[in-house]
Amino acid sequence: TVTRATVRLPSGQVGHCYALGRDKQKAKLAAIADALWQDPARRNEVETGLIAPLRSALTAAHEKRRAET
């Protein structure tokens, strides 16, 4: 199952998301993040405040799993 979301910000940017499962809120939030990232004025904020922490958490989880096997 895939849940889709598309949002348009008041500034005009449109964000899209296709997320596995039925979590509508997750898809909506990802679409909002996509739309915000497309705004050049907000891109750095999205990169440093959202994407970088997520990347670090995923890397740490991956390293932990690798160390356990």
PDB file of N, CA and C in Angstrom:
ATOM      1  N   THR A   1       0.844  -1.174   0.000  1.00  0.00           N
ATOM      2  CA  THR A   1       0.000   0.000   0.000  1.00  0.00           C
ATOM      3  C   THR A   1       0.887   1.234   0.000  1.00  0.00           C
ATOM      4  N   VAL A   2       0.473   2.235  -0.753  1.00  0.00           N
ATOM      5  CA  VAL A   2       1.207   3.495  -0.836  1.00  0.00           C
ATOM      6  C   VAL A   2       0.240   4.641  -0.559  1.00  0.00           C
ATOM      7  N   THR A   3       0.681   5.592   0.245  1.00  0.00           N
ATOM      8  CA  THR A   3      -0.102   6.794   0.507  1.00  0.00           C
ATOM      9  C   THR A   3       0.572   7.952  -0.203  1.00  0.00           C
ATOM     10  N   ARG A   4      -0.227   8.712  -0.947  1.00  0.00           N
ATOM     11  CA  ARG A   4       0.303   9.852  -1.691  1.00  0.00           C
ATOM     12  C   ARG A   4      -0.184  11.148  -1.062  1.00  0.00           C
ATOM     13  N   ALA A   5       0.633  12.183  -1.177  1.00  0.00           N
ATOM     14  CA  ALA A   5       0.227  13.507  -0.716  1.00  0.00           C
ATOM     15  C   ALA A   5       0.855  14.550  -1.621  1.00  0.00           C
ATOM     16  N   THR A   6       0.094  15.595  -1.890  1.00  0.00           N
ATOM     17  CA  THR A   6       0.582  16.756  -2.617  1.00  0.00           C
ATOM     18  C   THR A   6       0.096  17.987  -1.871  1.00  0.00           C
ATOM     19  N   VAL A   7       0.993  18.939  -1.640  1.00  0.00           N
ATOM     20  CA  VAL A   7       0.626  20.182  -0.964  1.00  0.00           C
ATOM     21  C   VAL A   7       1.143  21.365  -1.767  1.00  0.00           C
ATOM     22  N   ARG A   8       0.430  22.481  -1.645  1.00  0.00           N
ATOM     23  CA  ARG A   8       0.885  23.741  -2.245  1.00  0.00           C
ATOM     24  C   ARG A   8       0.994  24.756  -1.112  1.00  0.00           C
ATOM     25  N   LEU A   9       2.186  25.323  -0.960  1.00  0.00           N
ATOM     26  CA  LEU A   9       2.401  26.335   0.063  1.00  0.00           C
ATOM     27  C   LEU A   9       1.819  27.668  -0.394  1.00  0.00           C
ATOM     28  N   PRO A  10       1.515  28.570   0.536  1.00  0.00           N
ATOM     29  CA  PRO A  10       1.023  29.895   0.140  1.00  0.00           C
ATOM     30  C   PRO A  10       1.990  30.624  -0.801  1.00  0.00           C
ATOM     31  N   SER A  11       3.280  30.304  -0.700  1.00  0.00           N
ATOM     32  CA  SER A  11       4.288  30.925  -1.571  1.00  0.00           C
ATOM     33  C   SER A  11       4.309  30.325  -2.971  1.00  0.00           C
ATOM     34  N   GLY A  12       3.552  29.234  -3.186  1.00  0.00           N
ATOM     35  CA  GLY A  12       3.440  28.651  -4.521  1.00  0.00           C
ATOM     36  C   GLY A  12       4.183  27.347  -4.740  1.00  0.00           C
ATOM     37  N   GLN A  13       5.135  27.012  -3.874  1.00  0.00           N
ATOM     38  CA  GLN A  13       5.867  25.757  -4.043  1.00  0.00           C
ATOM     39  C   GLN A  13       4.927  24.575  -3.822  1.00  0.00           C
ATOM     40  N   VAL A  14       5.129  23.543  -4.642  1.00  0.00           N
ATOM     41  CA  VAL A  14       4.325  22.327  -4.545  1.00  0.00           C
ATOM     42  C   VAL A  14       5.247  21.188  -4.136  1.00  0.00           C
ATOM     43  N   GLY A  15       4.807  20.421  -3.151  1.00  0.00           N
ATOM     44  CA  GLY A  15       5.574  19.270  -2.697  1.00  0.00           C
ATOM     45  C   GLY A  15       4.772  18.000  -2.869  1.00  0.00           C
ATOM     46  N   HIS A  16       5.473  16.909  -3.137  1.00  0.00           N
ATOM     47  CA  HIS A  16       4.830  15.614  -3.359  1.00  0.00           C
ATOM     48  C   HIS A  16       5.493  14.563  -2.479  1.00  0.00           C
ATOM     49  N   CYS A  17       4.730  13.528  -2.149  1.00  0.00           N
ATOM     50  CA  CYS A  17       5.273  12.397  -1.403  1.00  0.00           C
ATOM     51  C   CYS A  17       4.520  11.136  -1.768  1.00  0.00           C
ATOM     52  N   TYR A  18       5.256  10.054  -1.894  1.00  0.00           N
ATOM     53  CA  TYR A  18       4.717   8.698  -1.987  1.00  0.00           C
ATOM     54  C   TYR A  18       5.358   7.942  -0.839  1.00  0.00           C
ATOM     55  N   ALA A  19       4.548   7.509   0.131  1.00  0.00           N
ATOM     56  CA  ALA A  19       5.073   6.832   1.313  1.00  0.00           C
ATOM     57  C   ALA A  19       4.480   5.434   1.423  1.00  0.00           C
ATOM     58  N   LEU A  20       5.311   4.468   1.761  1.00  0.00           N
ATOM     59  CA  LEU A  20       4.811   3.114   1.977  1.00  0.00           C
ATOM     60  C   LEU A  20       3.880   3.095   3.184  1.00  0.00           C
ATOM     61  N   GLY A  21       2.805   2.361   3.082  1.00  0.00           N
ATOM     62  CA  GLY A  21       1.857   2.237   4.179  1.00  0.00           C
ATOM     63  C   GLY A  21       0.692   3.198   4.043  1.00  0.00           C
ATOM     64  N   ARG A  22      -0.049   3.336   5.154  1.00  0.00           N
ATOM     65  CA  ARG A  22      -1.279   4.135   5.142  1.00  0.00           C
ATOM     66  C   ARG A  22      -1.210   5.344   6.066  1.00  0.00           C
ATOM     67  N   ASP A  23      -0.033   5.784   6.387  1.00  0.00           N
ATOM     68  CA  ASP A  23       0.126   6.905   7.318  1.00  0.00           C
ATOM     69  C   ASP A  23      -0.017   8.227   6.562  1.00  0.00           C
ATOM     70  N   LYS A  24      -1.222   8.792   6.585  1.00  0.00           N
ATOM     71  CA  LYS A  24      -1.502  10.029   5.847  1.00  0.00           C
ATOM     72  C   LYS A  24      -0.700  11.204   6.389  1.00  0.00           C
ATOM     73  N   GLN A  25      -0.557  11.269   7.709  1.00  0.00           N
ATOM     74  CA  GLN A  25       0.179  12.375   8.314  1.00  0.00           C
ATOM     75  C   GLN A  25       1.647  12.347   7.888  1.00  0.00           C
ATOM     76  N   LYS A  26       2.240  11.167   7.846  1.00  0.00           N
ATOM     77  CA  LYS A  26       3.634  11.044   7.411  1.00  0.00           C
ATOM     78  C   LYS A  26       3.792  11.531   5.976  1.00  0.00           C
ATOM     79  N   ALA A  27       2.875  11.134   5.105  1.00  0.00           N
ATOM     80  CA  ALA A  27       2.939  11.552   3.708  1.00  0.00           C
ATOM     81  C   ALA A  27       2.760  13.061   3.579  1.00  0.00           C
ATOM     82  N   LYS A  28       1.836  13.616   4.350  1.00  0.00           N
ATOM     83  CA  LYS A  28       1.597  15.063   4.292  1.00  0.00           C
ATOM     84  C   LYS A  28       2.829  15.834   4.766  1.00  0.00           C
ATOM     85  N   LEU A  29       3.423  15.399   5.875  1.00  0.00           N
ATOM     86  CA  LEU A  29       4.614  16.076   6.388  1.00  0.00           C
ATOM     87  C   LEU A  29       5.782  15.988   5.414  1.00  0.00           C
ATOM     88  N   ALA A  30       5.947  14.844   4.775  1.00  0.00           N
ATOM     89  CA  ALA A  30       7.024  14.695   3.792  1.00  0.00           C
ATOM     90  C   ALA A  30       6.776  15.595   2.587  1.00  0.00           C
ATOM     91  N   ALA A  31       5.528  15.737   2.168  1.00  0.00           N
ATOM     92  CA  ALA A  31       5.203  16.619   1.046  1.00  0.00           C
ATOM     93  C   ALA A  31       5.465  18.079   1.419  1.00  0.00           C
ATOM     94  N   ILE A  32       5.153  18.449   2.653  1.00  0.00           N
ATOM     95  CA  ILE A  32       5.443  19.813   3.110  1.00  0.00           C
ATOM     96  C   ILE A  32       6.949  20.054   3.117  1.00  0.00           C
ATOM     97  N   ALA A  33       7.713  19.089   3.619  1.00  0.00           N
ATOM     98  CA  ALA A  33       9.172  19.220   3.622  1.00  0.00           C
ATOM     99  C   ALA A  33       9.700  19.358   2.199  1.00  0.00           C
ATOM    100  N   ASP A  34       9.139  18.592   1.266  1.00  0.00           N
ATOM    101  CA  ASP A  34       9.547  18.678  -0.133  1.00  0.00           C
ATOM    102  C   ASP A  34       9.267  20.071  -0.688  1.00  0.00           C
ATOM    103  N   ALA A  35       8.093  20.607  -0.398  1.00  0.00           N
ATOM    104  CA  ALA A  35       7.741  21.940  -0.887  1.00  0.00           C
ATOM    105  C   ALA A  35       8.648  23.006  -0.279  1.00  0.00           C
ATOM    106  N   LEU A  36       8.905  22.914   1.017  1.00  0.00           N
ATOM    107  CA  LEU A  36       9.791  23.883   1.670  1.00  0.00           C
ATOM    108  C   LEU A  36      11.197  23.819   1.093  1.00  0.00           C
ATOM    109  N   TRP A  37      11.687  22.611   0.815  1.00  0.00           N
ATOM    110  CA  TRP A  37      13.034  22.443   0.269  1.00  0.00           C
ATOM    111  C   TRP A  37      13.155  23.092  -1.110  1.00  0.00           C
ATOM    112  N   GLN A  38      12.063  23.148  -1.851  1.00  0.00           N
ATOM    113  CA  GLN A  38      12.093  23.732  -3.191  1.00  0.00           C
ATOM    114  C   GLN A  38      12.187  25.256  -3.172  1.00  0.00           C
ATOM    115  N   ASP A  39      11.928  25.875  -2.029  1.00  0.00           N
ATOM    116  CA  ASP A  39      12.044  27.328  -1.889  1.00  0.00           C
ATOM    117  C   ASP A  39      13.508  27.655  -1.596  1.00  0.00           C
ATOM    118  N   PRO A  40      14.196  28.330  -2.520  1.00  0.00           N
ATOM    119  CA  PRO A  40      15.618  28.616  -2.301  1.00  0.00           C
ATOM    120  C   PRO A  40      15.896  29.352  -0.986  1.00  0.00           C
ATOM    121  N   ALA A  41      14.961  30.176  -0.536  1.00  0.00           N
ATOM    122  CA  ALA A  41      15.154  30.922   0.708  1.00  0.00           C
ATOM    123  C   ALA A  41      15.092  30.011   1.934  1.00  0.00           C
ATOM    124  N   ARG A  42      14.464  28.854   1.813  1.00  0.00           N
ATOM    125  CA  ARG A  42      14.304  27.945   2.950  1.00  0.00           C
ATOM    126  C   ARG A  42      15.126  26.671   2.826  1.00  0.00           C
ATOM    127  N   ARG A  43      15.754  26.468   1.697  1.00  0.00           N
ATOM    128  CA  ARG A  43      16.455  25.207   1.450  1.00  0.00           C
ATOM    129  C   ARG A  43      17.513  24.912   2.505  1.00  0.00           C
ATOM    130  N   ASN A  44      18.340  25.883   2.840  1.00  0.00           N
ATOM    131  CA  ASN A  44      19.399  25.639   3.821  1.00  0.00           C
ATOM    132  C   ASN A  44      18.811  25.276   5.179  1.00  0.00           C
ATOM    133  N   GLU A  45      17.733  25.948   5.562  1.00  0.00           N
ATOM    134  CA  GLU A  45      17.075  25.649   6.839  1.00  0.00           C
ATOM    135  C   GLU A  45      16.536  24.218   6.862  1.00  0.00           C
ATOM    136  N   VAL A  46      15.951  23.778   5.757  1.00  0.00           N
ATOM    137  CA  VAL A  46      15.436  22.410   5.669  1.00  0.00           C
ATOM    138  C   VAL A  46      16.594  21.413   5.703  1.00  0.00           C
ATOM    139  N   GLU A  47      17.661  21.737   4.992  1.00  0.00           N
ATOM    140  CA  GLU A  47      18.831  20.845   4.964  1.00  0.00           C
ATOM    141  C   GLU A  47      19.432  20.677   6.360  1.00  0.00           C
ATOM    142  N   THR A  48      19.630  21.790   7.072  1.00  0.00           N
ATOM    143  CA  THR A  48      20.298  21.712   8.374  1.00  0.00           C
ATOM    144  C   THR A  48      19.362  21.310   9.508  1.00  0.00           C
ATOM    145  N   GLY A  49      18.106  21.716   9.441  1.00  0.00           N
ATOM    146  CA  GLY A  49      17.183  21.451  10.534  1.00  0.00           C
ATOM    147  C   GLY A  49      16.412  20.156  10.430  1.00  0.00           C
ATOM    148  N   LEU A  50      16.333  19.587   9.218  1.00  0.00           N
ATOM    149  CA  LEU A  50      15.533  18.381   9.031  1.00  0.00           C
ATOM    150  C   LEU A  50      16.335  17.244   8.400  1.00  0.00           C
ATOM    151  N   ILE A  51      16.914  17.506   7.251  1.00  0.00           N
ATOM    152  CA  ILE A  51      17.572  16.435   6.503  1.00  0.00           C
ATOM    153  C   ILE A  51      18.847  15.953   7.204  1.00  0.00           C
ATOM    154  N   ALA A  52      19.690  16.871   7.654  1.00  0.00           N
ATOM    155  CA  ALA A  52      20.944  16.461   8.304  1.00  0.00           C
ATOM    156  C   ALA A  52      20.698  15.638   9.573  1.00  0.00           C
ATOM    157  N   PRO A  53      19.789  16.055  10.463  1.00  0.00           N
ATOM    158  CA  PRO A  53      19.531  15.215  11.644  1.00  0.00           C
ATOM    159  C   PRO A  53      18.959  13.840  11.285  1.00  0.00           C
ATOM    160  N   LEU A  54      18.085  13.790  10.298  1.00  0.00           N
ATOM    161  CA  LEU A  54      17.548  12.494   9.872  1.00  0.00           C
ATOM    162  C   LEU A  54      18.645  11.609   9.303  1.00  0.00           C
ATOM    163  N   ARG A  55      19.513  12.195   8.498  1.00  0.00           N
ATOM    164  CA  ARG A  55      20.623  11.440   7.917  1.00  0.00           C
ATOM    165  C   ARG A  55      21.530  10.899   9.020  1.00  0.00           C
ATOM    166  N   SER A  56      21.816  11.720  10.023  1.00  0.00           N
ATOM    167  CA  SER A  56      22.665  11.276  11.136  1.00  0.00           C
ATOM    168  C   SER A  56      22.020  10.134  11.907  1.00  0.00           C
ATOM    169  N   ALA A  57      20.717  10.252  12.163  1.00  0.00           N
ATOM    170  CA  ALA A  57      20.010   9.198  12.897  1.00  0.00           C
ATOM    171  C   ALA A  57      19.995   7.896  12.109  1.00  0.00           C
ATOM    172  N   LEU A  58      19.772   7.984  10.808  1.00  0.00           N
ATOM    173  CA  LEU A  58      19.768   6.778   9.974  1.00  0.00           C
ATOM    174  C   LEU A  58      21.148   6.138   9.921  1.00  0.00           C
ATOM    175  N   THR A  59      22.177   6.968   9.816  1.00  0.00           N
ATOM    176  CA  THR A  59      23.547   6.452   9.790  1.00  0.00           C
ATOM    177  C   THR A  59      23.884   5.769  11.110  1.00  0.00           C
ATOM    178  N   ALA A  60      23.497   6.381  12.225  1.00  0.00           N
ATOM    179  CA  ALA A  60      23.765   5.785  13.536  1.00  0.00           C
ATOM    180  C   ALA A  60      23.033   4.453  13.689  1.00  0.00           C
ATOM    181  N   ALA A  61      21.792   4.388  13.245  1.00  0.00           N
ATOM    182  CA  ALA A  61      21.027   3.137  13.338  1.00  0.00           C
ATOM    183  C   ALA A  61      21.655   2.055  12.469  1.00  0.00           C
ATOM    184  N   HIS A  62      22.120   2.450  11.293  1.00  0.00           N
ATOM    185  CA  HIS A  62      22.766   1.490  10.396  1.00  0.00           C
ATOM    186  C   HIS A  62      24.058   0.967  11.021  1.00  0.00           C
ATOM    187  N   GLU A  63      24.850   1.853  11.578  1.00  0.00           N
ATOM    188  CA  GLU A  63      26.106   1.444  12.206  1.00  0.00           C
ATOM    189  C   GLU A  63      25.843   0.533  13.409  1.00  0.00           C
ATOM    190  N   LYS A  64      24.810   0.835  14.173  1.00  0.00           N
ATOM    191  CA  LYS A  64      24.472  -0.003  15.324  1.00  0.00           C
ATOM    192  C   LYS A  64      24.086  -1.407  14.876  1.00  0.00           C
ATOM    193  N   ARG A  65      23.261  -1.502  13.828  1.00  0.00           N
ATOM    194  CA  ARG A  65      22.873  -2.820  13.306  1.00  0.00           C
ATOM    195  C   ARG A  65      24.089  -3.574  12.792  1.00  0.00           C
ATOM    196  N   ARG A  66      24.979  -2.878  12.112  1.00  0.00           N
ATOM    197  CA  ARG A  66      26.189  -3.520  11.592  1.00  0.00           C
ATOM    198  C   ARG A  66      27.058  -4.050  12.716  1.00  0.00           C
ATOM    199  N   ALA A  67      27.160  -3.291  13.781  1.00  0.00           N
ATOM    200  CA  ALA A  67      27.994  -3.706  14.911  1.00  0.00           C
ATOM    201  C   ALA A  67      27.405  -4.910  15.644  1.00  0.00           C
ATOM    202  N   GLU A  68      26.093  -5.049  15.593  1.00  0.00           N
ATOM    203  CA  GLU A  68      25.431  -6.153  16.296  1.00  0.00           C
ATOM    204  C   GLU A  68      25.480  -7.461  15.518  1.00  0.00           C
ATOM    205  N   THR A  69      25.817  -7.410  14.244  1.00  0.00           N
ATOM    206  CA  THR A  69      25.831  -8.645  13.449  1.00  0.00           C
ATOM    207  C   THR A  69      27.230  -9.132  13.198  1.00  0.00           C
TER     208      THR A  69
END
